[in-house]
Amino acid sequence: MKNHSRSNGFTSSFSPEELRHRMEHTRAGLTRTVEALAGGTDVKAQAKETATHAVEAAAAVKEQAARLVRGKTAEPVLDTAGQVATTARANRAPLIAFGAVLAVILWVRHGRGRK
């Protein structure tokens, strides 16, 4: 049954059931739109996703560089570099202290050069 009632200048040719169906359809579409907009404004999630992609890309570049270096470097040099890296990892505190002292010395020298 068609409804041709006029109310406030509006003529409806839809049955109440058709109007309900259209409202539900429109409401569902609006819900999807709002969810998409909310997801687009979730800056924290976007930043986390971007950081994850950046870490993955950096890991891939690191692996590629390591393969390239391994392919073009003599075996004794690689062995020595591995020993140096192992020693540095085992003695992080002294290396950090040395780096801090060196940074202070350079900072002081730079400050004196300005005067």
Protein backbone atom coordinates (compact mmCIF):
# COMPACT_ATOMS: atom_id res chain seq x y z
CA MET A 1 0.00 0.00 0.00
CA LYS A 2 1.41 3.36 -1.00
CA ASN A 3 1.30 6.29 1.34
CA HIS A 4 0.65 9.58 -0.44
CA SER A 5 0.17 11.73 2.64
CA ARG A 6 1.34 15.29 2.71
CA SER A 7 2.92 16.66 5.83
CA ASN A 8 4.91 19.88 5.89
CA GLY A 9 5.06 19.92 2.11
CA PHE A 10 6.62 16.45 1.91
CA THR A 11 4.96 13.79 -0.21
CA SER A 12 5.93 10.18 0.47
CA SER A 13 5.18 7.45 -2.05
CA PHE A 14 6.76 4.74 0.15
CA SER A 15 5.04 2.42 2.58
CA PRO A 16 6.07 2.58 6.23
CA GLU A 17 7.91 -0.74 5.78
CA GLU A 18 9.86 0.64 2.79
CA LEU A 19 10.74 3.76 4.78
CA ARG A 20 11.99 1.63 7.70
CA HIS A 21 14.10 -0.44 5.33
CA ARG A 22 15.60 2.69 3.74
CA MET A 23 16.31 4.19 7.17
CA GLU A 24 18.09 1.02 8.31
CA HIS A 25 20.12 0.96 5.09
CA THR A 26 21.06 4.63 5.47
CA ARG A 27 21.90 4.15 9.17
CA ALA A 28 24.18 1.20 8.32
CA GLY A 29 25.93 3.28 5.66
CA LEU A 30 26.43 6.17 8.07
CA THR A 31 27.81 3.79 10.69
CA ARG A 32 30.39 2.48 8.22
CA THR A 33 31.30 6.04 7.24
CA VAL A 34 31.73 7.16 10.86
CA GLU A 35 33.86 4.09 11.65
CA ALA A 36 36.05 4.77 8.62
CA LEU A 37 36.47 8.40 9.65
CA ALA A 38 37.26 7.42 13.23
CA GLY A 39 39.88 4.96 12.00
CA GLY A 40 41.39 7.67 9.83
CA THR A 41 41.77 10.01 12.78
CA ASP A 42 43.36 7.43 15.09
CA VAL A 43 46.76 9.12 14.97
CA LYS A 44 48.30 6.81 17.55
CA ALA A 45 47.41 3.69 15.55
CA GLN A 46 48.61 5.27 12.31
CA ALA A 47 51.90 6.30 13.93
CA LYS A 48 52.37 2.80 15.30
CA GLU A 49 51.70 1.28 11.88
CA THR A 50 54.11 3.72 10.22
CA ALA A 51 56.78 2.94 12.83
CA THR A 52 56.30 -0.79 12.28
CA HIS A 53 56.75 -0.36 8.53
CA ALA A 54 59.84 1.79 9.09
CA VAL A 55 61.38 -0.82 11.41
CA GLU A 56 60.67 -3.57 8.88
CA ALA A 57 62.20 -1.51 6.07
CA ALA A 58 65.28 -0.71 8.18
CA ALA A 59 65.72 -4.39 9.02
CA ALA A 60 65.54 -5.28 5.33
CA VAL A 61 68.13 -2.62 4.43
CA LYS A 62 70.37 -3.79 7.28
CA GLU A 63 70.18 -7.40 6.08
CA GLN A 64 70.89 -6.38 2.50
CA ALA A 65 73.90 -4.28 3.59
CA ALA A 66 75.19 -7.14 5.74
CA ARG A 67 74.99 -9.55 2.77
CA LEU A 68 76.78 -7.04 0.56
CA VAL A 69 79.56 -6.49 3.11
CA ARG A 70 79.94 -10.24 3.70
CA GLY A 71 80.21 -10.79 -0.03
CA LYS A 72 82.91 -8.15 -0.57
CA THR A 73 84.98 -8.44 2.62
CA ALA A 74 87.83 -10.86 3.23
CA GLU A 75 87.24 -13.58 5.82
CA PRO A 76 90.02 -12.44 8.26
CA VAL A 77 88.54 -8.93 8.35
CA LEU A 78 85.07 -10.34 9.09
CA ASP A 79 86.52 -12.48 11.89
CA THR A 80 88.28 -9.49 13.45
CA ALA A 81 85.14 -7.33 13.15
CA GLY A 82 83.12 -10.08 14.83
CA GLN A 83 85.61 -10.25 17.71
CA VAL A 84 85.54 -6.47 18.14
CA ALA A 85 81.74 -6.47 18.17
CA THR A 86 81.64 -9.27 20.75
CA THR A 87 84.12 -7.43 22.98
CA ALA A 88 82.18 -4.18 22.67
CA ARG A 89 78.92 -5.92 23.63
CA ALA A 90 80.59 -7.51 26.65
CA ASN A 91 82.02 -4.16 27.81
CA ARG A 92 79.21 -1.70 27.21
CA ALA A 93 79.60 0.26 30.46
CA PRO A 94 83.23 1.31 29.83
CA LEU A 95 82.41 2.18 26.21
CA ILE A 96 79.45 4.31 27.28
CA ALA A 97 81.57 6.05 29.91
CA PHE A 98 84.31 6.71 27.36
CA GLY A 99 81.75 8.11 24.90
CA ALA A 100 80.28 10.38 27.59
CA VAL A 101 83.72 11.71 28.58
CA LEU A 102 84.61 12.30 24.94
CA ALA A 103 81.31 14.14 24.37
CA VAL A 104 81.95 16.41 27.39
CA ILE A 105 85.49 17.17 26.22
CA LEU A 106 84.27 18.06 22.74
CA TRP A 107 81.42 20.14 24.15
CA VAL A 108 83.79 22.10 26.40
CA ARG A 109 86.28 22.67 23.55
CA HIS A 110 83.46 23.82 21.29
CA GLY A 111 82.22 26.23 23.96
CA ARG A 112 85.67 27.72 24.44
CA GLY A 113 86.09 28.22 20.70
CA ARG A 114 83.01 30.47 20.61
CA LYS A 115 84.38 32.99 23.15
